[in-house]
Protein backbone atom coordinates (compact mmCIF):
# COMPACT_ATOMS: atom_id res chain seq x y z
CA GLY A 1 0.00 0.00 0.00
CA ARG A 2 2.69 2.51 0.91
CA ASP A 3 4.71 1.73 -2.19
CA LEU A 4 1.66 2.36 -4.35
CA GLY A 5 1.01 5.61 -2.49
CA ARG A 6 4.58 6.79 -3.06
CA ARG A 7 4.33 5.94 -6.74
CA LEU A 8 1.09 7.89 -7.05
CA VAL A 9 2.60 10.90 -5.28
CA THR A 10 5.67 10.72 -7.52
CA ALA A 11 3.48 10.43 -10.62
CA LEU A 12 1.43 13.44 -9.51
CA ARG A 13 4.54 15.52 -8.84
CA LEU A 14 5.97 14.60 -12.23
CA SER A 15 2.69 15.47 -13.92
CA ILE A 16 2.64 18.89 -12.25
CA GLU A 17 6.29 19.51 -13.17
CA ASN A 18 5.61 18.45 -16.77
CA GLN A 19 2.74 20.93 -16.96
CA ARG A 20 5.02 23.71 -15.66
CA LEU A 21 7.63 22.79 -18.25
CA VAL A 22 5.03 22.84 -21.03
CA GLU A 23 3.89 26.31 -19.93
CA ARG A 24 7.48 27.60 -19.85
CA LEU A 25 8.15 26.11 -23.27
CA GLU A 26 5.04 27.77 -24.71
CA GLN A 27 6.07 31.11 -23.20
CA ARG A 28 9.60 30.87 -24.57
CA SER A 29 8.29 29.81 -27.95
CA THR A 30 6.05 32.88 -28.04
CA GLU A 31 8.98 35.10 -27.04
CA LEU A 32 11.17 33.53 -29.72
CA GLU A 33 8.52 34.05 -32.41
CA SER A 34 8.23 37.70 -31.38
CA ALA A 35 12.00 38.18 -31.48
CA ASN A 36 12.18 36.53 -34.91
CA ARG A 37 9.47 38.86 -36.27
CA GLU A 38 11.39 41.85 -34.92
CA LEU A 39 14.62 40.59 -36.49
CA GLU A 40 12.84 40.13 -39.82
CA VAL A 41 11.66 43.74 -39.74
CA LEU A 42 15.11 44.99 -38.70
CA SER A 43 16.81 43.04 -41.48
CA SER A 44 14.50 44.28 -44.22
CA THR A 45 14.05 47.96 -43.40
CA ASP A 46 16.28 50.97 -43.04
CA PRO A 47 16.59 51.80 -39.33
CA LEU A 48 16.54 55.56 -39.91
CA THR A 49 13.65 55.88 -42.36
CA GLY A 50 11.76 52.62 -41.91
CA VAL A 51 11.68 52.22 -45.70
CA ALA A 52 12.34 48.84 -47.31
CA ASN A 53 16.05 48.25 -47.86
CA ARG A 54 17.87 46.65 -50.77
CA ARG A 55 17.42 43.13 -49.38
CA LEU A 56 13.62 43.47 -49.32
CA LEU A 57 13.53 45.09 -52.76
CA MET A 58 15.66 42.28 -54.22
CA ALA A 59 13.36 39.66 -52.68
CA PHE A 60 10.35 41.46 -54.14
CA GLY A 61 12.03 41.56 -57.56
CA ARG A 62 12.78 37.84 -57.48
CA ALA A 63 9.22 37.00 -56.41
CA ALA A 64 7.52 39.24 -59.01
CA PRO A 65 5.84 37.09 -61.68
CA ALA A 66 6.63 39.61 -64.42
CA ALA A 67 9.35 42.14 -65.06
CA CYS A 68 9.32 45.07 -62.67
CA ALA A 69 11.26 48.29 -62.26
CA VAL A 70 12.27 50.28 -59.21
CA LEU A 71 12.58 54.03 -59.37
CA ILE A 72 15.01 55.49 -56.89
């Protein structure tokens, strides 16, 4: 009886700890997604003007289905 009780208590503790770990993982995943979005914006825009930089314009040009021109 006592051995079964100890196993149940251990299983309950592990279940609670697993739930905490899942919550922390979800929080860190959300933080990482947010940081990645920010890095994407920083890597594709000019920090002073906020206008698309050369990298974003080149990606747009490659993705355009037809010929396009950029006026600077």
